[in-house]
Every structure is written in structure tokens, then in C-alpha cells.
Amino acid sequence: MRIDKWLSSVNVVKRRTVASDMVKSGVVSINGIQAKPSKDVAVGDKITIRYLAGAKEYQVLKIPTTKTIPKTQKEEFVREL
């Protein structure tokens, strides 16, 4: 699954367009390497998002098979480090 699609599917970011803009502006990295919107995410990858106030790290636990998941199931797909 693409990084921009994954960020929106697991409710890290509200909209895919916002996720795509974040990736294009260079604030998202996968395993320490700056990501492009088409970069695929795999189980076990570490996603880092650098905000103005600091950075947040997430670990991919599972890849969703649907467009979005319920917010109650977020812990099954992503873990904040």
C-alpha cells in the first residue's frame, strides 16, 4: 500500500490529499529515508513525521485491506513509538 494511502487509511492523517502533501513536502520518512508518495509500506516499517513542534514515530503492524478502518481498530494497524 502507498504511504499516502496508508496514512489516511489508518487515521494518522484525516485526508489522503493532506497525507500526499506532507510526503511531497518531505516531512515523512520510512525507516530513516525520505519517502515519496508512491513508496510502498510494509509490515514492520517505521514511519516518522516531522512536525514543527517535534516528530512522531509510528510502526506498521498490519496493512489494511479496505479504504478506511474504524478508529477503534487503529491499534491493530499502527503503534505510536
N, C-alpha and C. Protein backbone atom coordinates (compact mmCIF):
# COMPACT_ATOMS: atom_id res chain seq x y z
N MET A 1 0.85 -1.18 0.00
CA MET A 1 0.00 0.00 0.00
C MET A 1 0.90 1.24 0.00
N ARG A 2 0.50 2.25 -0.75
CA ARG A 2 1.26 3.51 -0.82
C ARG A 2 1.25 4.22 0.53
N ILE A 3 2.32 4.96 0.81
CA ILE A 3 2.45 5.66 2.09
C ILE A 3 1.34 6.68 2.30
N ASP A 4 0.99 7.45 1.27
CA ASP A 4 -0.06 8.45 1.44
C ASP A 4 -1.41 7.80 1.70
N LYS A 5 -1.68 6.69 1.04
CA LYS A 5 -2.92 5.97 1.25
C LYS A 5 -2.95 5.31 2.63
N TRP A 6 -1.81 4.78 3.07
CA TRP A 6 -1.74 4.13 4.38
C TRP A 6 -1.97 5.14 5.50
N LEU A 7 -1.36 6.34 5.40
CA LEU A 7 -1.52 7.36 6.43
C LEU A 7 -2.99 7.74 6.62
N SER A 8 -3.73 7.85 5.53
CA SER A 8 -5.14 8.21 5.64
C SER A 8 -6.00 7.01 6.04
N SER A 9 -5.66 5.81 5.59
CA SER A 9 -6.45 4.62 5.90
C SER A 9 -6.44 4.28 7.38
N VAL A 10 -5.30 4.45 8.04
CA VAL A 10 -5.19 4.08 9.45
C VAL A 10 -5.43 5.27 10.38
N ASN A 11 -5.97 6.34 9.83
CA ASN A 11 -6.39 7.52 10.60
C ASN A 11 -5.24 8.26 11.28
N VAL A 12 -4.05 8.25 10.69
CA VAL A 12 -2.96 9.09 11.19
C VAL A 12 -3.19 10.51 10.68
N VAL A 13 -3.65 10.62 9.44
CA VAL A 13 -3.97 11.90 8.81
C VAL A 13 -5.42 11.81 8.33
N LYS A 14 -6.17 12.92 8.40
CA LYS A 14 -7.59 12.89 8.06
C LYS A 14 -7.87 12.60 6.58
N ARG A 15 -7.12 13.24 5.68
CA ARG A 15 -7.39 13.10 4.25
C ARG A 15 -6.15 12.66 3.50
N ARG A 16 -6.39 11.91 2.41
CA ARG A 16 -5.26 11.43 1.61
C ARG A 16 -4.52 12.59 0.93
N THR A 17 -5.24 13.63 0.54
CA THR A 17 -4.57 14.77 -0.10
C THR A 17 -3.61 15.45 0.88
N VAL A 18 -4.01 15.52 2.15
CA VAL A 18 -3.13 16.09 3.17
C VAL A 18 -1.90 15.20 3.35
N ALA A 19 -2.12 13.89 3.37
CA ALA A 19 -1.02 12.94 3.50
C ALA A 19 -0.07 13.05 2.32
N SER A 20 -0.61 13.16 1.13
CA SER A 20 0.21 13.30 -0.07
C SER A 20 1.03 14.58 -0.03
N ASP A 21 0.41 15.68 0.39
CA ASP A 21 1.13 16.95 0.51
C ASP A 21 2.25 16.87 1.54
N MET A 22 2.00 16.17 2.65
CA MET A 22 3.03 16.01 3.68
C MET A 22 4.23 15.23 3.13
N VAL A 23 3.94 14.17 2.38
CA VAL A 23 5.02 13.36 1.82
C VAL A 23 5.80 14.17 0.78
N LYS A 24 5.09 14.90 -0.08
CA LYS A 24 5.75 15.71 -1.10
C LYS A 24 6.62 16.81 -0.51
N SER A 25 6.20 17.35 0.63
CA SER A 25 6.99 18.43 1.26
C SER A 25 8.18 17.89 2.04
N GLY A 26 8.31 16.58 2.17
CA GLY A 26 9.50 15.99 2.76
C GLY A 26 9.47 15.81 4.27
N VAL A 27 8.32 15.82 4.89
CA VAL A 27 8.26 15.67 6.35
C VAL A 27 8.03 14.22 6.77
N VAL A 28 7.81 13.32 5.81
CA VAL A 28 7.55 11.91 6.13
C VAL A 28 8.74 11.08 5.66
N SER A 29 9.19 10.19 6.55
CA SER A 29 10.26 9.29 6.17
C SER A 29 9.91 7.87 6.61
N ILE A 30 10.41 6.90 5.84
CA ILE A 30 10.19 5.48 6.12
C ILE A 30 11.55 4.87 6.40
N ASN A 31 11.70 4.32 7.60
CA ASN A 31 12.97 3.71 8.03
C ASN A 31 14.15 4.65 7.86
N GLY A 32 13.94 5.93 8.14
CA GLY A 32 15.01 6.91 8.08
C GLY A 32 15.28 7.49 6.71
N ILE A 33 14.55 7.07 5.69
CA ILE A 33 14.73 7.57 4.32
C ILE A 33 13.51 8.38 3.93
N GLN A 34 13.75 9.59 3.39
CA GLN A 34 12.64 10.45 2.99
C GLN A 34 11.78 9.73 1.95
N ALA A 35 10.47 9.75 2.16
CA ALA A 35 9.54 8.99 1.32
C ALA A 35 8.97 9.82 0.18
N LYS A 36 8.58 9.13 -0.88
CA LYS A 36 7.83 9.72 -1.98
C LYS A 36 6.41 9.19 -1.86
N PRO A 37 5.40 9.90 -2.42
CA PRO A 37 4.01 9.46 -2.27
C PRO A 37 3.74 8.04 -2.78
N SER A 38 4.50 7.57 -3.75
CA SER A 38 4.26 6.24 -4.32
C SER A 38 5.01 5.13 -3.58
N LYS A 39 5.78 5.47 -2.56
CA LYS A 39 6.55 4.47 -1.81
C LYS A 39 5.61 3.51 -1.09
N ASP A 40 5.88 2.21 -1.23
CA ASP A 40 5.04 1.20 -0.58
C ASP A 40 5.47 1.00 0.87
N VAL A 41 4.47 0.71 1.71
CA VAL A 41 4.69 0.45 3.13
C VAL A 41 4.58 -1.04 3.37
N ALA A 42 5.46 -1.58 4.20
CA ALA A 42 5.42 -3.00 4.56
C ALA A 42 5.29 -3.14 6.07
N VAL A 43 4.86 -4.30 6.50
CA VAL A 43 4.73 -4.57 7.94
C VAL A 43 6.11 -4.48 8.58
N GLY A 44 6.19 -3.77 9.69
CA GLY A 44 7.46 -3.60 10.40
C GLY A 44 8.17 -2.30 10.10
N ASP A 45 7.73 -1.57 9.07
CA ASP A 45 8.35 -0.29 8.74
C ASP A 45 8.11 0.73 9.84
N LYS A 46 9.07 1.65 10.01
CA LYS A 46 8.91 2.74 10.96
C LYS A 46 8.72 4.04 10.18
N ILE A 47 7.58 4.68 10.42
CA ILE A 47 7.21 5.92 9.75
C ILE A 47 7.48 7.08 10.70
N THR A 48 8.21 8.08 10.25
CA THR A 48 8.47 9.27 11.05
C THR A 48 7.86 10.48 10.36
N ILE A 49 7.09 11.26 11.12
CA ILE A 49 6.50 12.50 10.62
C ILE A 49 7.06 13.64 11.45
N ARG A 50 7.75 14.57 10.79
CA ARG A 50 8.34 15.71 11.49
C ARG A 50 7.41 16.91 11.42
N TYR A 51 6.86 17.28 12.57
CA TYR A 51 6.00 18.46 12.70
C TYR A 51 6.86 19.62 13.18
N LEU A 52 6.30 20.83 13.19
CA LEU A 52 7.04 21.99 13.69
C LEU A 52 7.37 21.84 15.17
N ALA A 53 6.48 21.25 15.93
CA ALA A 53 6.67 21.12 17.38
C ALA A 53 7.43 19.85 17.77
N GLY A 54 7.82 19.04 16.82
CA GLY A 54 8.54 17.81 17.12
C GLY A 54 8.20 16.74 16.10
N ALA A 55 8.60 15.51 16.40
CA ALA A 55 8.37 14.41 15.48
C ALA A 55 7.58 13.31 16.16
N LYS A 56 6.84 12.56 15.34
CA LYS A 56 6.12 11.39 15.84
C LYS A 56 6.56 10.19 15.03
N GLU A 57 6.72 9.05 15.70
CA GLU A 57 7.11 7.83 15.03
C GLU A 57 6.01 6.79 15.17
N TYR A 58 5.79 6.07 14.10
CA TYR A 58 4.78 5.02 14.08
C TYR A 58 5.40 3.76 13.52
N GLN A 59 4.91 2.61 13.96
CA GLN A 59 5.33 1.34 13.41
C GLN A 59 4.14 0.67 12.74
N VAL A 60 4.37 0.15 11.56
CA VAL A 60 3.31 -0.52 10.79
C VAL A 60 3.15 -1.94 11.34
N LEU A 61 1.97 -2.25 11.83
CA LEU A 61 1.70 -3.59 12.37
C LEU A 61 0.95 -4.46 11.38
N LYS A 62 0.13 -3.82 10.55
CA LYS A 62 -0.74 -4.54 9.63
C LYS A 62 -1.12 -3.61 8.48
N ILE A 63 -1.33 -4.15 7.30
CA ILE A 63 -1.76 -3.36 6.15
C ILE A 63 -3.27 -3.53 5.98
N PRO A 64 -4.04 -2.42 5.99
CA PRO A 64 -5.50 -2.55 5.83
C PRO A 64 -5.87 -3.00 4.42
N THR A 65 -6.95 -3.75 4.33
CA THR A 65 -7.43 -4.22 3.03
C THR A 65 -8.56 -3.35 2.50
N THR A 66 -9.10 -2.48 3.35
CA THR A 66 -10.18 -1.59 2.94
C THR A 66 -9.66 -0.16 2.87
N LYS A 67 -10.49 0.73 2.31
CA LYS A 67 -10.10 2.12 2.14
C LYS A 67 -9.86 2.81 3.48
N THR A 68 -10.72 2.58 4.44
CA THR A 68 -10.54 3.13 5.78
C THR A 68 -10.88 2.07 6.81
N ILE A 69 -10.37 2.28 8.02
CA ILE A 69 -10.68 1.36 9.11
C ILE A 69 -11.38 2.15 10.21
N PRO A 70 -12.16 1.49 11.04
CA PRO A 70 -12.77 2.20 12.17
C PRO A 70 -11.69 2.68 13.15
N LYS A 71 -11.93 3.82 13.76
CA LYS A 71 -10.94 4.38 14.69
C LYS A 71 -10.69 3.45 15.87
N THR A 72 -11.66 2.62 16.20
CA THR A 72 -11.48 1.69 17.32
C THR A 72 -10.48 0.58 16.99
N GLN A 73 -10.22 0.33 15.72
CA GLN A 73 -9.28 -0.71 15.31
C GLN A 73 -7.90 -0.18 14.96
N LYS A 74 -7.65 1.09 15.20
CA LYS A 74 -6.38 1.72 14.82
C LYS A 74 -5.19 1.01 15.46
N GLU A 75 -5.32 0.54 16.70
CA GLU A 75 -4.21 -0.09 17.41
C GLU A 75 -3.77 -1.41 16.77
N GLU A 76 -4.64 -2.02 15.98
CA GLU A 76 -4.29 -3.26 15.29
C GLU A 76 -3.36 -3.00 14.10
N PHE A 77 -3.40 -1.79 13.54
CA PHE A 77 -2.68 -1.48 12.32
C PHE A 77 -1.43 -0.63 12.54
N VAL A 78 -1.43 0.19 13.59
CA VAL A 78 -0.31 1.11 13.80
C VAL A 78 -0.05 1.25 15.30
N ARG A 79 1.24 1.42 15.64
CA ARG A 79 1.61 1.65 17.03
C ARG A 79 2.49 2.90 17.07
N GLU A 80 2.13 3.82 17.95
CA GLU A 80 2.92 5.05 18.09
C GLU A 80 4.10 4.75 19.01
N LEU A 81 5.29 5.11 18.56
CA LEU A 81 6.51 4.85 19.34
C LEU A 81 6.92 6.05 20.14
